[in-house]
Amino acid sequence: MNLFYKLLYYFQKRGFEVCRRIAERLGIRARVVRTSFIYLTFVTLGFGFALYLFLAFWLRIKDLVYTKRTSVFDL
């Protein structure tokens, strides 16, 4: 049972970050974004999940490319 909670915590921490960042960008609650992805997934038979994975990948690449540097010598 402990493994289940560790896995659940991992997915909540990593997976919900995408929804949180999208919600901050749009200026709405993260809960609304999460439920819209869930409804979109059920209605379109998986398109919402594919869109979610694409956005997670895009945000990860954006974080890797646009890292904040404090000075010129950090290159």
N, C-alpha and C. Protein backbone atom coordinates (compact mmCIF):
# COMPACT_ATOMS: atom_id res chain seq x y z
N MET A 1 0.82 -1.19 0.00
CA MET A 1 0.00 0.00 0.00
C MET A 1 0.86 1.26 0.00
N ASN A 2 2.02 1.20 0.64
CA ASN A 2 2.91 2.35 0.69
C ASN A 2 3.42 2.69 -0.70
N LEU A 3 3.68 1.67 -1.53
CA LEU A 3 4.12 1.90 -2.91
C LEU A 3 3.04 2.63 -3.70
N PHE A 4 1.79 2.29 -3.44
CA PHE A 4 0.68 2.95 -4.11
C PHE A 4 0.65 4.44 -3.81
N TYR A 5 0.85 4.79 -2.55
CA TYR A 5 0.82 6.21 -2.17
C TYR A 5 2.03 6.96 -2.72
N LYS A 6 3.17 6.30 -2.78
CA LYS A 6 4.35 6.94 -3.38
C LYS A 6 4.12 7.21 -4.87
N LEU A 7 3.53 6.23 -5.55
CA LEU A 7 3.22 6.40 -6.96
C LEU A 7 2.18 7.50 -7.18
N LEU A 8 1.17 7.51 -6.33
CA LEU A 8 0.14 8.54 -6.42
C LEU A 8 0.73 9.93 -6.18
N TYR A 9 1.59 10.05 -5.18
CA TYR A 9 2.22 11.33 -4.88
C TYR A 9 3.09 11.79 -6.05
N TYR A 10 3.81 10.87 -6.67
CA TYR A 10 4.66 11.21 -7.82
C TYR A 10 3.82 11.77 -8.96
N PHE A 11 2.71 11.09 -9.30
CA PHE A 11 1.87 11.57 -10.39
C PHE A 11 1.18 12.88 -10.06
N GLN A 12 0.81 13.06 -8.81
CA GLN A 12 0.19 14.33 -8.43
C GLN A 12 1.19 15.47 -8.53
N LYS A 13 2.40 15.22 -8.10
CA LYS A 13 3.41 16.27 -8.12
C LYS A 13 3.84 16.62 -9.54
N ARG A 14 4.09 15.61 -10.35
CA ARG A 14 4.59 15.84 -11.71
C ARG A 14 3.47 16.11 -12.71
N GLY A 15 2.40 15.36 -12.62
CA GLY A 15 1.34 15.46 -13.61
C GLY A 15 0.49 16.70 -13.49
N PHE A 16 0.19 17.10 -12.28
CA PHE A 16 -0.68 18.26 -12.10
C PHE A 16 0.05 19.57 -12.32
N GLU A 17 1.37 19.52 -12.42
CA GLU A 17 2.12 20.75 -12.66
C GLU A 17 1.79 21.34 -14.03
N VAL A 18 1.53 20.48 -15.00
CA VAL A 18 1.16 20.96 -16.33
C VAL A 18 -0.14 21.75 -16.25
N CYS A 19 -1.12 21.21 -15.57
CA CYS A 19 -2.41 21.90 -15.43
C CYS A 19 -2.25 23.20 -14.65
N ARG A 20 -1.42 23.18 -13.63
CA ARG A 20 -1.21 24.38 -12.83
C ARG A 20 -0.57 25.49 -13.67
N ARG A 21 0.42 25.14 -14.48
CA ARG A 21 1.09 26.15 -15.29
C ARG A 21 0.17 26.70 -16.38
N ILE A 22 -0.64 25.85 -16.97
CA ILE A 22 -1.60 26.31 -17.97
C ILE A 22 -2.62 27.23 -17.31
N ALA A 23 -3.08 26.86 -16.12
CA ALA A 23 -4.06 27.69 -15.40
C ALA A 23 -3.48 29.03 -15.02
N GLU A 24 -2.23 29.06 -14.58
CA GLU A 24 -1.60 30.35 -14.27
C GLU A 24 -1.49 31.22 -15.50
N ARG A 25 -1.16 30.60 -16.62
CA ARG A 25 -1.02 31.34 -17.88
C ARG A 25 -2.36 31.94 -18.33
N LEU A 26 -3.43 31.17 -18.15
CA LEU A 26 -4.76 31.64 -18.56
C LEU A 26 -5.46 32.46 -17.49
N GLY A 27 -4.97 32.40 -16.25
CA GLY A 27 -5.57 33.16 -15.17
C GLY A 27 -6.83 32.53 -14.61
N ILE A 28 -6.92 31.20 -14.65
CA ILE A 28 -8.07 30.49 -14.10
C ILE A 28 -7.59 29.47 -13.08
N ARG A 29 -8.52 28.77 -12.44
CA ARG A 29 -8.17 27.76 -11.45
C ARG A 29 -7.62 26.51 -12.12
N ALA A 30 -6.69 25.86 -11.45
CA ALA A 30 -6.12 24.62 -11.97
C ALA A 30 -7.15 23.50 -12.00
N ARG A 31 -8.09 23.54 -11.08
CA ARG A 31 -9.15 22.52 -11.04
C ARG A 31 -9.99 22.54 -12.31
N VAL A 32 -10.26 23.72 -12.83
CA VAL A 32 -11.04 23.84 -14.06
C VAL A 32 -10.28 23.24 -15.23
N VAL A 33 -8.98 23.47 -15.28
CA VAL A 33 -8.17 22.92 -16.36
C VAL A 33 -8.13 21.40 -16.27
N ARG A 34 -7.96 20.86 -15.06
CA ARG A 34 -7.93 19.40 -14.89
C ARG A 34 -9.24 18.75 -15.32
N THR A 35 -10.35 19.31 -14.87
CA THR A 35 -11.63 18.71 -15.24
C THR A 35 -11.91 18.85 -16.73
N SER A 36 -11.47 19.94 -17.34
CA SER A 36 -11.67 20.07 -18.78
C SER A 36 -10.86 19.03 -19.54
N PHE A 37 -9.65 18.72 -19.08
CA PHE A 37 -8.87 17.66 -19.71
C PHE A 37 -9.55 16.31 -19.54
N ILE A 38 -10.13 16.07 -18.38
CA ILE A 38 -10.82 14.80 -18.15
C ILE A 38 -12.03 14.68 -19.06
N TYR A 39 -12.84 15.72 -19.14
CA TYR A 39 -14.01 15.68 -20.01
C TYR A 39 -13.61 15.58 -21.47
N LEU A 40 -12.59 16.29 -21.86
CA LEU A 40 -12.13 16.24 -23.24
C LEU A 40 -11.64 14.84 -23.61
N THR A 41 -11.00 14.17 -22.66
CA THR A 41 -10.53 12.81 -22.91
C THR A 41 -11.69 11.85 -23.10
N PHE A 42 -12.73 11.96 -22.28
CA PHE A 42 -13.87 11.07 -22.43
C PHE A 42 -14.66 11.36 -23.70
N VAL A 43 -14.82 12.62 -24.03
CA VAL A 43 -15.63 12.97 -25.19
C VAL A 43 -14.94 12.59 -26.50
N THR A 44 -13.64 12.84 -26.58
CA THR A 44 -12.94 12.62 -27.85
C THR A 44 -12.17 11.31 -27.88
N LEU A 45 -12.37 10.46 -26.89
CA LEU A 45 -11.76 9.12 -26.85
C LEU A 45 -10.24 9.17 -26.89
N GLY A 46 -9.66 10.01 -26.09
CA GLY A 46 -8.20 10.02 -25.95
C GLY A 46 -7.50 11.25 -26.47
N PHE A 47 -8.17 12.11 -27.19
CA PHE A 47 -7.51 13.30 -27.72
C PHE A 47 -7.04 14.23 -26.60
N GLY A 48 -7.82 14.34 -25.54
CA GLY A 48 -7.44 15.20 -24.42
C GLY A 48 -6.17 14.71 -23.74
N PHE A 49 -6.05 13.40 -23.61
CA PHE A 49 -4.84 12.83 -23.01
C PHE A 49 -3.63 13.07 -23.90
N ALA A 50 -3.81 12.91 -25.21
CA ALA A 50 -2.71 13.18 -26.14
C ALA A 50 -2.32 14.66 -26.10
N LEU A 51 -3.29 15.54 -26.00
CA LEU A 51 -3.02 16.97 -25.89
C LEU A 51 -2.28 17.27 -24.59
N TYR A 52 -2.68 16.62 -23.51
CA TYR A 52 -2.02 16.80 -22.22
C TYR A 52 -0.56 16.36 -22.29
N LEU A 53 -0.29 15.22 -22.90
CA LEU A 53 1.08 14.75 -23.04
C LEU A 53 1.91 15.69 -23.90
N PHE A 54 1.31 16.21 -24.97
CA PHE A 54 2.02 17.15 -25.83
C PHE A 54 2.37 18.43 -25.06
N LEU A 55 1.45 18.94 -24.28
CA LEU A 55 1.72 20.15 -23.50
C LEU A 55 2.77 19.90 -22.42
N ALA A 56 2.73 18.74 -21.81
CA ALA A 56 3.75 18.40 -20.80
C ALA A 56 5.13 18.35 -21.45
N PHE A 57 5.21 17.74 -22.62
CA PHE A 57 6.48 17.68 -23.34
C PHE A 57 6.95 19.08 -23.74
N TRP A 58 6.03 19.90 -24.23
CA TRP A 58 6.38 21.25 -24.66
C TRP A 58 6.88 22.11 -23.50
N LEU A 59 6.22 22.02 -22.35
CA LEU A 59 6.65 22.79 -21.19
C LEU A 59 8.01 22.32 -20.69
N ARG A 60 8.27 21.03 -20.77
CA ARG A 60 9.57 20.50 -20.35
C ARG A 60 10.68 21.01 -21.26
N ILE A 61 10.45 21.00 -22.56
CA ILE A 61 11.44 21.52 -23.51
C ILE A 61 11.65 23.01 -23.30
N LYS A 62 10.57 23.74 -23.06
CA LYS A 62 10.67 25.18 -22.83
C LYS A 62 11.51 25.47 -21.59
N ASP A 63 11.31 24.67 -20.54
CA ASP A 63 12.11 24.86 -19.32
C ASP A 63 13.58 24.57 -19.56
N LEU A 64 13.88 23.61 -20.40
CA LEU A 64 15.28 23.28 -20.66
C LEU A 64 15.96 24.34 -21.52
N VAL A 65 15.22 24.93 -22.44
CA VAL A 65 15.80 25.92 -23.35
C VAL A 65 15.90 27.29 -22.69
N TYR A 66 14.84 27.71 -22.05
CA TYR A 66 14.81 29.05 -21.46
C TYR A 66 15.12 29.01 -19.97
N THR A 67 16.33 28.66 -19.63
CA THR A 67 16.73 28.68 -18.23
C THR A 67 17.17 30.10 -17.87
N LYS A 68 16.84 30.51 -16.69
CA LYS A 68 17.18 31.85 -16.25
C LYS A 68 18.64 31.87 -15.77
N ARG A 69 19.43 32.70 -16.38
CA ARG A 69 20.83 32.82 -16.01
C ARG A 69 21.03 34.13 -15.26
N THR A 70 21.87 34.09 -14.24
CA THR A 70 22.07 35.28 -13.43
C THR A 70 23.13 36.20 -14.00
N SER A 71 24.08 35.64 -14.75
CA SER A 71 25.10 36.52 -15.33
C SER A 71 25.55 35.96 -16.67
N VAL A 72 26.40 36.69 -17.34
CA VAL A 72 26.92 36.29 -18.64
C VAL A 72 27.87 35.10 -18.49
N PHE A 73 28.51 34.98 -17.36
CA PHE A 73 29.52 33.95 -17.16
C PHE A 73 28.93 32.58 -16.84
N ASP A 74 27.59 32.45 -16.78
CA ASP A 74 26.96 31.17 -16.51
C ASP A 74 26.84 30.30 -17.76
N LEU A 75 27.23 30.80 -18.91
CA LEU A 75 27.14 30.03 -20.14
C LEU A 75 28.05 28.84 -20.04
